[in-house]
Every structure is written in structure tokens, then in C-alpha cells.
């Protein structure tokens, strides 16, 4: 029924123009701006080179590298003083090698790099992409906004994840209503998803499919034994009530997500900004999540709490410190036949009952035939393994959500911005305690992020060239006991032209 939703919506708005029907932006409801032309055109060129060092400290695994370049073209046509709009975004990416699609990644790498010492880094990815990933119709005025079709949205647990060649895209409807100058209501219903390395929409998520750029299906599901393809769901619905105080420095949101047949999540975030020279602020976040419907991911019972503070030490330097905690949950069970708790405190065999941690967090311990299972991690269907979730302590290459693990974490970050805004440098250090009564697999990550804008940076959307270098290095303790990669280094060179 929704196969041609985007195209049908575009036609529908043309037919309904002049009525009270509306379409809108996801993040705001600005008043329409008068433009010299009803047709707007913009886009970017991106040329990225990523390398990943996996083999280290006696751990044998192929290193990775990928180069890829992309062009994105966006068209927007406005009618009736831009109250009604139709828009589209097209992206073409080519690594200038022999790899034309994701299927060619299976077998010898097709990036021109020498196997088996280097494999492609398909988070970039290392193959051709060709996609019309936005096609929508919308209406927006001073208080109402509605957008229908294929679109980029950016909410706490359905982020755009725009850190590669293209952003994630969703198919559905997004509605925002400004109740008064301070209060806003948002309702979202998305039925399909195209992730950052795909060229087609489907009804899978990052946790119910085998995405080539992420681990995908959790090892504790029975997915492989019942269906070799994706778990298809009906997407998600989200409702949000937002507050942005006028002059009092307070902003807050309460959101509810229903991920079809996976989980339900309640999420709260807030911030208070003092009006002083140092611009100090404090922010809080928290949420709860439980499994829902058919529970494809198993039993989920999770809560998370976080706090962050920040201050501007000088005009050019800002400092933030964040902390998040996800309480551990445990249960005593008798494992079924063919399933065991192995010597590294991981589950061996297919065990779908609980949504379990990954990557080296100790999961189980058996004593006198009774096994204690530790769980409690957040299931994030649209950001898992992307390091683009909303937790204060998420870093370039990881976060507690990606590990699907309980524990605690902190992150200290410093940001420098030059007087002309053309140089931005961020350095951070984070610690993740992925642990419980069995033991801990503490992980540390250091990030360096430098960006230079070749043109003047003023108000509004930047146009022109920029170059960005991002570096992440993480170390993991106790890998001999619980598994995981002891040392990981990630380097991203990003050249971009915005027009």
C-alpha cells in the first residue's frame, strides 16, 4: 500500500494546494521565506578516505581501508509563497574501482587494495551507490508543518547519522505543530528505512537485518534458524512534546517511540543555560525501554540516566563533561540443550530469550547447573553500531548503545573555534565500564577531530570547500578473558564542497 507513498504524496499536494492540508519540516517550523525563485537547488561533493587498524597486540584480523566519492543533488520547488513544497535528493557514489555493489564485497575485496591484509571499510562504503533517497511533499507555515514521503529526519532515536557519504532516510509522515511560542508537538510515523550505505528502502532495521556496515542481527536471536532474510517490521511511530523557554534558558523534550515488534521507549532530555560570561549549562537525559509485540530481539528491560555540564573557558574554548549509566539486569536460568556459557562468559549456541551485550562484555556465569544471565542494554534499531545515538558519552567509534551493554561511562571534551570560525578542533577522552558481577571489559577511547573551512564562515548554511580529519583510538581491557579487539585505530580524511 505504501510502495509509491512518496510519489503519490507529491502529486497529492499539487492537487490539494490551496486547501487547509499541510506538509512540514522535522526539526523546526519556521515562517516561510520569500525567495527570488520557486526552484531551489543545492548539494555537495564528498571525497572520503577511511582506514581501520584491527590487527594488534597479537589479535589477528584484517585491517580495512576504503576510498569513495559522492555527489548529492537536492531540488526543492515551492508554491504559494513557499507554503507548499515538493523536494527530492539524489546521490551517486563511486569508489573508482571494480566494486559496483554490496554483493561483490563477498569474496576478494574489489577496492584495488591487496587482500588479505586489507579489506574494504564498508561503513563508507567501498562500492557504488545510486539512490533517490528523498522525494517528498510538504506544507509549512508559522505554526504547522507536515512532510510526507522519503525524507531525512533527525530525532533522538531515529537520527540522520550523516557522518558518511549520505544520511539515513525514512519513508513516512512527520508532523510538527507549534502550540504557542514555547511549546511544540511532533508526531512521526515511518514505515521504511534506507540506511547510510544502501540504495533502496526496506522494512528492516539495523537490528533486524544483515547490514554490510554493521554487526546487525544480535547473536542471541533465532533469526538464522527460521529465516535467512531480514526480519521485516512496520517501522516506528514517535510522539514528542517539546519546550523552549523564551529568555529563561530552559529547553526540554519528552518523547515516546514504538518500534514495531521490537521495543517501546520513553525518553526525556532537558537543558538549562545560565546567562553569564562563561555560558555554563547543565543537561540531563534518561529513558526506559521494554520489548514489545513479537519481541524479535528477545526480552528487553533497560533504563539509562545521564548528566552533562559545560562551560566556555574563553571566547574560543569550550569544555564539557558527560556521564551516562545503564543499570545491569540479571536473571537465573537453566539453559536449553545445545546452549552453554563458555569459558569467556559468552553464550554459545542460539539463545533468543534476552537481548544480550556484544563485543566482549561478560554475559553469563554457570554454577551448579544454573546460569546467571546479565543483560539490560539499550536496543536502538536505527542507530545500532553507528555511534550516532543521543547519549552524552558516545564517541566517534563506539558508545554504550552500540555495545548493547549495561555499565557506566564518562566523556571529557574540549572544543576550540577560531575567531573567524574557519578552524574547529575537538579533543575528547572517554571511558566505558562494560561490566557486572562477573567482571569488566573497560574500554577507553581518545578522539581528535580537526576541520578547516576554506571560505569565510558566516551566518546561514556554509558554501564552499572544507577538509576534516577525524581520528579515534580505543583500547579494551581483559580481552583475553571476555573477547573483543584489544586495540583499534580509526582514521577518516574527509574533503567536501557544499554548493
Protein backbone atom coordinates (compact mmCIF):
# COMPACT_ATOMS: atom_id res chain seq x y z
CA UNK A 1 0.00 0.00 0.00
CA UNK A 2 2.87 2.36 0.74
CA UNK A 3 5.15 1.32 -2.09
CA UNK A 4 4.61 4.52 -4.01
CA UNK A 5 3.88 6.74 -1.00
CA UNK A 6 6.47 9.39 -1.80
CA UNK A 7 5.44 9.86 -5.40
CA UNK A 8 1.74 9.78 -4.58
CA UNK A 9 2.25 12.38 -1.87
CA UNK A 10 3.98 14.75 -4.26
CA UNK A 11 1.03 14.58 -6.64
CA UNK A 12 -1.46 14.89 -3.76
CA UNK A 13 -0.01 18.19 -2.59
CA UNK A 14 -0.30 19.67 -6.05
CA UNK A 15 -3.95 18.65 -6.12
CA UNK A 16 -4.64 19.86 -2.59
CA UNK A 17 -2.82 23.18 -2.90
CA UNK A 18 -4.96 25.98 -1.61
CA UNK A 19 -6.80 23.80 0.93
CA UNK A 20 -6.00 23.51 4.64
CA UNK A 21 -3.82 20.40 4.09
CA UNK A 22 -0.18 20.74 5.18
CA UNK A 23 3.34 19.32 4.91
CA UNK A 24 6.45 20.07 7.03
CA UNK A 25 9.97 20.18 8.39
CA UNK A 26 11.14 17.70 11.01
CA UNK A 27 13.22 19.87 13.30
CA UNK A 28 11.50 23.26 13.23
CA UNK A 29 8.54 25.21 11.97
CA UNK A 30 9.99 28.44 10.57
CA UNK A 31 7.93 31.03 8.80
CA UNK A 32 8.17 30.71 5.01
CA UNK A 33 10.80 32.92 3.47
CA UNK A 34 10.23 34.89 0.30
CA UNK A 35 12.63 33.77 -2.42
CA UNK A 36 13.55 35.14 -5.81
CA UNK A 37 12.80 31.81 -7.46
CA UNK A 38 10.37 29.00 -6.56
CA UNK A 39 13.04 26.46 -7.57
CA UNK A 40 15.94 25.98 -5.15
CA UNK A 41 19.00 23.86 -5.92
CA UNK A 42 21.86 22.80 -3.65
CA UNK A 43 24.07 19.83 -2.86
CA UNK A 44 27.58 18.69 -2.09
CA UNK A 45 30.60 16.77 -3.32
CA UNK A 46 32.27 14.46 -0.81
CA UNK A 47 35.52 12.54 -1.20
CA UNK A 48 36.41 10.41 1.83
CA UNK A 49 39.23 8.01 2.70
CA UNK A 50 38.84 5.80 5.79
CA UNK A 51 41.32 3.38 7.34
CA UNK A 52 40.81 0.98 10.26
CA UNK A 53 43.55 -0.88 12.14
CA UNK A 54 42.14 -4.08 13.65
CA UNK A 55 45.18 -6.36 13.86
CA UNK A 56 47.10 -5.53 17.02
CA UNK A 57 48.60 -6.92 20.23
CA UNK A 58 48.57 -10.47 18.89
CA UNK A 59 44.95 -10.18 17.72
CA UNK A 60 44.80 -11.33 14.10
CA UNK A 61 42.20 -9.63 11.93
CA UNK A 62 42.34 -7.96 8.54
CA UNK A 63 42.80 -4.21 8.54
CA UNK A 64 40.42 -2.12 6.44
CA UNK A 65 40.53 0.82 4.04
CA UNK A 66 38.09 2.42 1.60
CA UNK A 67 38.04 5.43 -0.69
CA UNK A 68 34.80 6.75 -2.13
CA UNK A 69 33.44 9.95 -3.65
CA UNK A 70 29.84 11.10 -3.96
CA UNK A 71 27.71 13.87 -5.38
CA UNK A 72 24.40 14.82 -3.82
CA UNK A 73 21.86 16.97 -5.68
CA UNK A 74 18.81 18.46 -3.98
CA UNK A 75 15.89 20.21 -5.68
CA UNK A 76 13.03 21.97 -3.95
CA UNK A 77 10.10 23.63 -5.71
CA UNK A 78 7.88 25.99 -3.72
CA UNK A 79 4.35 27.17 -4.44
CA UNK A 80 2.10 29.80 -2.91
CA UNK A 81 4.95 31.75 -1.29
CA UNK A 82 6.62 28.50 -0.26
CA UNK A 83 3.69 27.28 1.79
CA UNK A 84 3.65 24.16 -0.37
CA UNK A 85 6.85 22.41 -1.48
CA UNK A 86 7.97 19.29 -3.25
CA UNK A 87 11.58 18.16 -2.91
CA UNK A 88 13.99 15.44 -3.95
CA UNK A 89 17.57 14.39 -3.17
CA UNK A 90 19.67 12.15 -5.40
CA UNK A 91 23.09 10.67 -4.57
CA UNK A 92 25.63 8.88 -6.71
CA UNK A 93 28.83 7.46 -5.19
CA UNK A 94 31.68 5.67 -6.97
CA UNK A 95 34.92 4.37 -5.36
CA UNK A 96 36.62 4.40 -8.77
CA UNK A 97 37.31 0.69 -8.51
CA UNK A 98 35.82 -2.62 -9.61
CA UNK A 99 33.20 -2.85 -6.88
CA UNK A 100 29.77 -1.98 -8.22
CA UNK A 101 27.53 -3.24 -5.41
CA UNK A 102 27.49 -4.68 -1.91
CA UNK A 103 27.26 -8.29 -3.09
CA UNK A 104 30.72 -8.02 -4.66
CA UNK A 105 32.14 -7.48 -1.17
CA UNK A 106 31.80 -11.21 -0.53
CA UNK A 107 34.97 -12.81 -1.80
CA UNK A 108 38.19 -10.96 -2.62
CA UNK A 109 37.94 -7.21 -1.94
CA UNK A 110 37.19 -5.18 -5.04
CA UNK A 111 38.70 -1.86 -3.96
CA UNK A 112 42.06 -2.47 -5.58
CA UNK A 113 43.76 -2.94 -2.21
CA UNK A 114 45.87 -6.03 -1.59
CA UNK A 115 43.98 -8.91 0.07
CA UNK A 116 44.02 -10.49 2.55
CA UNK A 117 45.87 -7.88 4.62
CA UNK A 118 43.35 -5.11 3.88
CA UNK A 119 39.59 -5.43 3.45
CA UNK A 120 37.19 -2.65 2.46
CA UNK A 121 35.66 -0.47 5.16
CA UNK A 122 32.03 -0.73 4.16
CA UNK A 123 30.85 1.84 6.65
CA UNK A 124 31.93 4.33 3.95
CA UNK A 125 31.21 2.11 1.84
CA UNK A 126 33.64 0.69 -0.74
CA UNK A 127 31.15 0.24 -3.59
CA UNK A 128 28.84 2.23 -5.90
CA UNK A 129 25.65 3.81 -4.54
CA UNK A 130 22.89 5.19 -6.74
CA UNK A 131 19.76 6.38 -4.96
CA UNK A 132 16.90 8.87 -4.98
CA UNK A 133 16.64 8.83 -1.21
CA UNK A 134 14.45 11.89 -0.70
CA UNK A 135 11.17 12.50 -2.55
CA UNK A 136 8.57 14.32 -0.50
CA UNK A 137 5.76 16.84 -0.44
CA UNK A 138 5.34 19.30 2.38
CA UNK A 139 3.37 22.22 3.76
CA UNK A 140 4.66 24.68 6.36
CA UNK A 141 3.54 27.95 7.84
CA UNK A 142 4.16 29.82 11.08
CA UNK A 143 2.69 27.10 13.28
CA UNK A 144 2.08 23.91 11.30
CA UNK A 145 4.43 21.66 9.38
CA UNK A 146 3.78 18.35 7.66
CA UNK A 147 6.03 16.34 5.36
CA UNK A 148 5.08 13.10 3.58
CA UNK A 149 7.35 10.80 1.60
CA UNK A 150 11.01 9.76 1.56
CA UNK A 151 12.90 12.16 3.82
CA UNK A 152 15.75 12.75 6.24
CA UNK A 153 14.68 13.16 9.84
CA UNK A 154 16.79 13.71 12.93
CA UNK A 155 15.33 12.72 16.27
CA UNK A 156 16.90 11.27 19.41
CA UNK A 157 16.46 7.60 18.44
CA UNK A 158 15.94 7.92 14.70
CA UNK A 159 18.96 10.07 13.79
CA UNK A 160 20.13 11.11 10.34
CA UNK A 161 23.57 9.52 11.03
CA UNK A 162 25.10 11.82 8.41
CA UNK A 163 28.76 11.01 9.06
CA UNK A 164 29.48 9.22 5.77
CA UNK A 165 28.61 9.89 2.13
CA UNK A 166 24.89 10.17 2.78
CA UNK A 167 22.42 10.33 5.62
CA UNK A 168 19.92 7.68 6.64
CA UNK A 169 16.47 8.23 5.13
CA UNK A 170 12.98 7.23 6.22
CA UNK A 171 9.67 6.79 4.39
CA UNK A 172 6.54 8.09 6.03
CA UNK A 173 4.96 11.14 7.62
CA UNK A 174 6.32 13.77 10.01
CA UNK A 175 4.05 16.39 11.60
CA UNK A 176 5.01 19.33 13.83
CA UNK A 177 2.55 21.71 15.47
CA UNK A 178 3.63 24.81 17.37
CA UNK A 179 1.15 25.10 20.24
CA UNK A 180 2.44 28.53 21.32
CA UNK A 181 5.80 30.34 21.18
CA UNK A 182 7.28 27.95 23.76
CA UNK A 183 5.56 24.58 23.26
CA UNK A 184 5.69 22.25 20.27
CA UNK A 185 4.19 18.84 19.47
CA UNK A 186 5.60 16.36 16.96
CA UNK A 187 4.17 13.10 15.60
CA UNK A 188 6.11 10.79 13.29
CA UNK A 189 5.10 7.58 11.51
CA UNK A 190 7.81 5.91 9.42
CA UNK A 191 7.23 2.62 7.60
CA UNK A 192 10.51 2.00 5.73
CA UNK A 193 14.22 2.76 6.09
CA UNK A 194 17.25 3.28 3.82
CA UNK A 195 20.48 3.22 5.79
CA UNK A 196 23.65 5.18 5.01
CA UNK A 197 25.20 2.52 2.72
CA UNK A 198 22.11 1.27 0.87
CA UNK A 199 20.36 2.46 -2.29
CA UNK A 200 16.89 1.08 -1.54
CA UNK A 201 14.22 1.35 1.14
CA UNK A 202 13.07 -1.74 3.04
CA UNK A 203 11.20 -2.62 6.23
CA UNK A 204 14.27 -3.89 8.08
CA UNK A 205 16.28 -2.09 10.76
CA UNK A 206 19.93 -2.21 11.81
CA UNK A 207 18.98 -4.83 14.41
CA UNK A 208 16.75 -6.98 12.19
CA UNK A 209 18.90 -7.31 9.08
CA UNK A 210 22.45 -8.03 7.99
CA UNK A 211 23.70 -4.51 7.15
CA UNK A 212 27.09 -4.72 5.47
CA UNK A 213 28.37 -1.77 7.51
CA UNK A 214 27.33 -3.00 10.97
CA UNK A 215 27.09 -6.23 13.01
CA UNK A 216 23.30 -6.34 12.59
CA UNK A 217 21.27 -9.26 13.88
CA UNK A 218 22.15 -9.90 17.56
CA UNK A 219 23.70 -13.28 18.12
CA UNK A 220 21.09 -14.16 20.70
CA UNK A 221 18.16 -14.22 18.26
CA UNK A 222 16.93 -17.31 16.45
CA UNK A 223 16.89 -15.35 13.20
CA UNK A 224 19.28 -17.56 11.27
CA UNK A 225 17.38 -20.72 12.16
CA UNK A 226 13.95 -19.53 10.99
CA UNK A 227 14.51 -17.12 8.13
CA UNK A 228 17.64 -16.39 6.07
CA UNK A 229 16.35 -12.92 5.17
CA UNK A 230 15.56 -9.80 7.16
CA UNK A 231 13.02 -9.52 9.95
CA UNK A 232 10.60 -7.04 8.40
CA UNK A 233 8.66 -4.72 10.70
CA UNK A 234 6.25 -1.82 10.18
CA UNK A 235 8.80 0.77 11.21
CA UNK A 236 8.08 3.03 14.17
CA UNK A 237 5.86 5.79 15.48
CA UNK A 238 7.05 8.61 17.70
CA UNK A 239 5.39 11.37 19.68
CA UNK A 240 7.27 14.30 21.21
CA UNK A 241 6.31 17.28 23.35
CA UNK A 242 8.99 19.95 23.35
CA UNK A 243 9.54 23.13 25.36
CA UNK A 244 11.90 26.01 24.58
CA UNK A 245 11.63 28.84 27.08
CA UNK A 246 11.81 32.42 25.92
CA UNK A 247 14.68 34.03 27.80
CA UNK A 248 14.76 31.61 30.75
CA UNK A 249 17.47 29.29 29.37
CA UNK A 250 15.35 26.13 29.72
CA UNK A 251 14.63 23.57 27.00
CA UNK A 252 13.20 20.07 27.37
CA UNK A 253 11.58 17.20 25.46
CA UNK A 254 9.51 14.16 26.35
CA UNK A 255 9.38 11.52 23.59
CA UNK A 256 7.80 8.11 23.15
CA UNK A 257 8.97 5.63 20.50
CA UNK A 258 7.15 2.46 19.47
CA UNK A 259 9.47 0.31 17.34
CA UNK A 260 7.11 -2.22 15.77
CA UNK A 261 7.55 -5.75 17.20
CA UNK A 262 10.84 -4.73 18.80
CA UNK A 263 10.63 -2.29 21.70
CA UNK A 264 8.88 0.70 23.28
CA UNK A 265 10.97 3.56 24.65
CA UNK A 266 10.21 6.64 26.74
CA UNK A 267 12.89 9.32 26.50
CA UNK A 268 13.34 12.61 28.39
CA UNK A 269 16.00 15.27 27.89
CA UNK A 270 16.46 18.79 29.22
CA UNK A 271 18.96 21.62 29.43
CA UNK A 272 19.45 24.79 31.45
CA UNK A 273 21.76 27.54 30.15
CA UNK A 274 22.88 30.29 32.51
CA UNK A 275 23.08 33.80 31.07
CA UNK A 276 26.61 34.72 32.08
CA UNK A 277 30.00 35.34 30.53
CA UNK A 278 31.18 31.74 30.89
CA UNK A 279 27.91 30.37 29.44
CA UNK A 280 27.69 27.44 31.86
CA UNK A 281 25.00 24.81 31.26
CA UNK A 282 23.75 21.57 32.68
CA UNK A 283 21.83 18.94 30.73
CA UNK A 284 20.11 15.72 31.75
CA UNK A 285 18.76 12.72 29.84
CA UNK A 286 17.06 9.48 30.72
CA UNK A 287 14.79 6.77 29.44
CA UNK A 288 13.33 3.32 29.81
CA UNK A 289 12.86 0.59 27.20
CA UNK A 290 10.98 -2.72 27.13
CA UNK A 291 10.34 -5.32 24.42
CA UNK A 292 7.05 -5.13 22.54
CA UNK A 293 4.84 -7.11 20.17
CA UNK A 294 6.51 -10.22 18.78
CA UNK A 295 9.74 -9.27 20.55
CA UNK A 296 12.04 -10.23 17.66
CA UNK A 297 15.08 -9.13 19.73
CA UNK A 298 14.14 -11.05 22.88
CA UNK A 299 13.40 -9.67 26.34
CA UNK A 300 14.48 -6.03 26.69
CA UNK A 301 14.42 -4.34 30.09
CA UNK A 302 16.63 -1.28 30.15
CA UNK A 303 16.95 2.15 31.70
CA UNK A 304 19.53 4.88 31.18
CA UNK A 305 20.38 8.09 33.03
CA UNK A 306 22.84 10.80 32.07
CA UNK A 307 24.09 14.24 33.05
CA UNK A 308 26.37 16.70 31.25
CA UNK A 309 27.86 20.03 32.22
CA UNK A 310 29.74 22.58 30.18
CA UNK A 311 31.38 25.97 30.29
CA UNK A 312 33.11 28.40 27.90
CA UNK A 313 36.58 28.85 29.35
CA UNK A 314 37.34 31.61 26.83
CA UNK A 315 35.71 33.06 23.73
CA UNK A 316 37.33 30.27 21.70
CA UNK A 317 37.45 27.27 24.06
CA UNK A 318 34.58 25.25 25.48
CA UNK A 319 34.70 22.31 27.86
CA UNK A 320 32.09 19.60 28.53
CA UNK A 321 31.95 16.60 30.86
CA UNK A 322 29.27 13.94 30.46
CA UNK A 323 28.24 10.81 32.34
CA UNK A 324 25.80 8.01 31.47
CA UNK A 325 24.82 4.85 33.31
CA UNK A 326 22.76 1.82 32.27
CA UNK A 327 21.97 -0.43 35.28
CA UNK A 328 22.80 -4.13 34.97
CA UNK A 329 19.93 -6.65 34.96
CA UNK A 330 20.38 -10.32 35.77
CA UNK A 331 18.28 -13.48 35.90
CA UNK A 332 18.98 -17.12 36.82
CA UNK A 333 18.01 -19.63 34.12
CA UNK A 334 18.56 -23.22 33.06
CA UNK A 335 19.98 -23.10 29.54
CA UNK A 336 18.29 -25.30 26.91
CA UNK A 337 20.05 -28.20 25.20
CA UNK A 338 22.72 -27.06 22.74
CA UNK A 339 23.28 -23.75 24.54
CA UNK A 340 26.05 -23.18 27.08
CA UNK A 341 28.03 -20.48 28.87
CA UNK A 342 31.59 -20.79 27.58
CA UNK A 343 34.97 -20.07 29.15
CA UNK A 344 34.88 -16.40 28.08
CA UNK A 345 31.50 -15.84 29.77
CA UNK A 346 29.67 -15.66 26.44
CA UNK A 347 26.65 -17.65 25.26
CA UNK A 348 27.47 -20.45 22.81
CA UNK A 349 24.56 -21.55 20.63
CA UNK A 350 21.32 -19.88 19.57
CA UNK A 351 19.65 -18.24 22.57
CA UNK A 352 16.96 -15.67 21.83
CA UNK A 353 15.34 -15.15 25.23
CA UNK A 354 17.21 -11.96 26.24
CA UNK A 355 18.71 -9.02 24.34
CA UNK A 356 22.38 -9.58 25.22
CA UNK A 357 25.55 -7.44 25.11
CA UNK A 358 28.20 -7.92 22.43
CA UNK A 359 31.86 -7.19 21.79
CA UNK A 360 33.41 -8.55 24.98
CA UNK A 361 31.01 -7.64 27.80
CA UNK A 362 30.72 -10.70 30.08
CA UNK A 363 27.23 -12.15 29.67
CA UNK A 364 26.89 -15.33 31.72
CA UNK A 365 28.21 -17.44 34.58
CA UNK A 366 27.20 -21.03 35.39
CA UNK A 367 27.27 -22.55 38.87
CA UNK A 368 25.82 -25.97 39.77
CA UNK A 369 23.84 -26.12 36.54
CA UNK A 370 22.20 -22.71 36.99
CA UNK A 371 23.31 -19.89 34.68
CA UNK A 372 23.14 -16.22 35.60
CA UNK A 373 22.42 -14.09 32.52
CA UNK A 374 23.41 -10.42 32.59
CA UNK A 375 21.61 -8.04 30.23
CA UNK A 376 19.95 -4.61 30.30
CA UNK A 377 21.44 -2.81 27.28
CA UNK A 378 19.59 -0.36 25.03
CA UNK A 379 18.23 -1.69 21.71
CA UNK A 380 18.43 1.09 19.11
CA UNK A 381 17.03 -0.16 15.76
CA UNK A 382 18.07 2.93 13.76
CA UNK A 383 21.50 3.79 15.23
CA UNK A 384 22.95 0.49 16.46
CA UNK A 385 26.69 0.26 15.62
CA UNK A 386 26.66 3.76 14.06
CA UNK A 387 27.84 5.75 17.13
CA UNK A 388 25.17 8.36 16.35
CA UNK A 389 22.85 7.89 19.33
CA UNK A 390 21.92 10.62 21.80
CA UNK A 391 23.93 9.57 24.86
CA UNK A 392 26.30 12.23 26.19
CA UNK A 393 29.25 9.81 26.24
CA UNK A 394 29.08 8.37 22.71
CA UNK A 395 32.38 8.80 20.82
CA UNK A 396 33.47 8.60 17.16
CA UNK A 397 33.72 4.81 17.02
CA UNK A 398 31.58 3.49 19.87
CA UNK A 399 29.11 4.03 22.68
CA UNK A 400 27.17 2.04 25.22
CA UNK A 401 24.25 1.67 22.83
CA UNK A 402 26.45 0.09 20.16
CA UNK A 403 27.78 -2.40 22.72
CA UNK A 404 24.16 -3.27 23.73
CA UNK A 405 25.57 -3.36 27.20
CA UNK A 406 24.82 -2.12 30.71
CA UNK A 407 27.54 -0.27 32.57
CA UNK A 408 28.67 3.31 33.06
CA UNK A 409 30.67 5.82 31.05
CA UNK A 410 32.08 9.32 31.11
CA UNK A 411 33.45 11.63 28.43
CA UNK A 412 35.54 14.80 28.71
CA UNK A 413 35.72 17.00 25.60
CA UNK A 414 37.35 20.33 24.71
CA UNK A 415 36.43 22.37 21.63
CA UNK A 416 38.41 25.21 20.02
CA UNK A 417 36.87 27.57 17.45
CA UNK A 418 38.93 30.28 15.78
CA UNK A 419 37.78 33.90 15.78
CA UNK A 420 36.73 33.66 12.13
CA UNK A 421 35.02 30.25 12.67
CA UNK A 422 37.14 28.66 9.95
CA UNK A 423 39.08 26.32 12.25
CA UNK A 424 37.32 23.90 14.60
CA UNK A 425 39.22 21.38 16.73
CA UNK A 426 37.73 18.89 19.21
CA UNK A 427 39.64 16.55 21.52
CA UNK A 428 37.95 14.08 23.85
CA UNK A 429 38.68 11.18 26.17
CA UNK A 430 36.04 8.63 27.17
CA UNK A 431 35.90 5.61 29.45
CA UNK A 432 33.31 2.81 29.22
CA UNK A 433 32.90 0.32 32.05
CA UNK A 434 31.11 -2.58 30.39
CA UNK A 435 30.86 -4.72 33.47
CA UNK A 436 28.83 -6.59 36.06
CA UNK A 437 29.39 -9.07 38.91
CA UNK A 438 31.31 -11.39 36.56
CA UNK A 439 33.94 -8.83 35.61
CA UNK A 440 34.50 -5.82 33.38
CA UNK A 441 35.82 -5.14 29.90
CA UNK A 442 36.76 -1.50 30.39
CA UNK A 443 37.24 0.40 27.14
CA UNK A 444 38.97 3.76 26.64
CA UNK A 445 38.68 5.97 23.58
CA UNK A 446 40.60 9.07 22.52
CA UNK A 447 39.20 11.24 19.70
CA UNK A 448 40.80 14.05 17.70
CA UNK A 449 38.66 15.98 15.22
CA UNK A 450 40.00 18.91 13.16
CA UNK A 451 38.05 20.82 10.49
CA UNK A 452 39.11 23.72 8.27
CA UNK A 453 36.76 25.81 6.12
CA UNK A 454 38.50 27.38 3.14
CA UNK A 455 35.88 30.11 2.68
CA UNK A 456 34.52 32.67 5.11
CA UNK A 457 32.09 31.19 7.64
CA UNK A 458 29.17 33.49 8.35
CA UNK A 459 25.55 33.11 9.34
CA UNK A 460 23.44 30.60 7.48
CA UNK A 461 24.40 27.46 5.57
CA UNK A 462 28.10 27.19 4.69
CA UNK A 463 29.06 27.16 1.00
CA UNK A 464 32.44 26.12 -0.33
CA UNK A 465 35.31 23.75 0.47
CA UNK A 466 36.12 22.19 3.82
CA UNK A 467 38.53 19.47 4.93
CA UNK A 468 38.14 17.39 8.06
CA UNK A 469 40.40 14.85 9.75
CA UNK A 470 38.96 12.56 12.44
CA UNK A 471 40.96 10.09 14.50
CA UNK A 472 39.75 7.54 17.05
CA UNK A 473 41.84 5.14 19.12
CA UNK A 474 40.36 2.73 21.62
CA UNK A 475 41.82 0.11 23.92
CA UNK A 476 39.92 -2.69 25.66
CA UNK A 477 40.96 -4.41 28.87
CA UNK A 478 40.52 -8.09 29.75
CA UNK A 479 40.05 -9.23 26.15
CA UNK A 480 41.85 -12.48 26.95
CA UNK A 481 39.09 -13.24 29.45
CA UNK A 482 36.00 -12.00 27.65
CA UNK A 483 36.94 -11.47 23.97
CA UNK A 484 36.99 -8.34 21.82
CA UNK A 485 39.62 -6.39 19.88
CA UNK A 486 42.38 -5.17 22.26
CA UNK A 487 43.36 -2.14 20.16
CA UNK A 488 41.51 -0.32 17.41
CA UNK A 489 42.53 2.77 15.40
CA UNK A 490 40.27 4.65 13.01
CA UNK A 491 41.31 7.49 10.69
CA UNK A 492 38.93 9.46 8.46
CA UNK A 493 40.04 12.03 5.89
CA UNK A 494 37.04 13.97 4.58
CA UNK A 495 37.04 16.53 1.75
CA UNK A 496 33.76 18.28 0.97
CA UNK A 497 32.41 21.04 -1.28
CA UNK A 498 28.98 22.47 -0.45
CA UNK A 499 27.04 24.44 -3.05
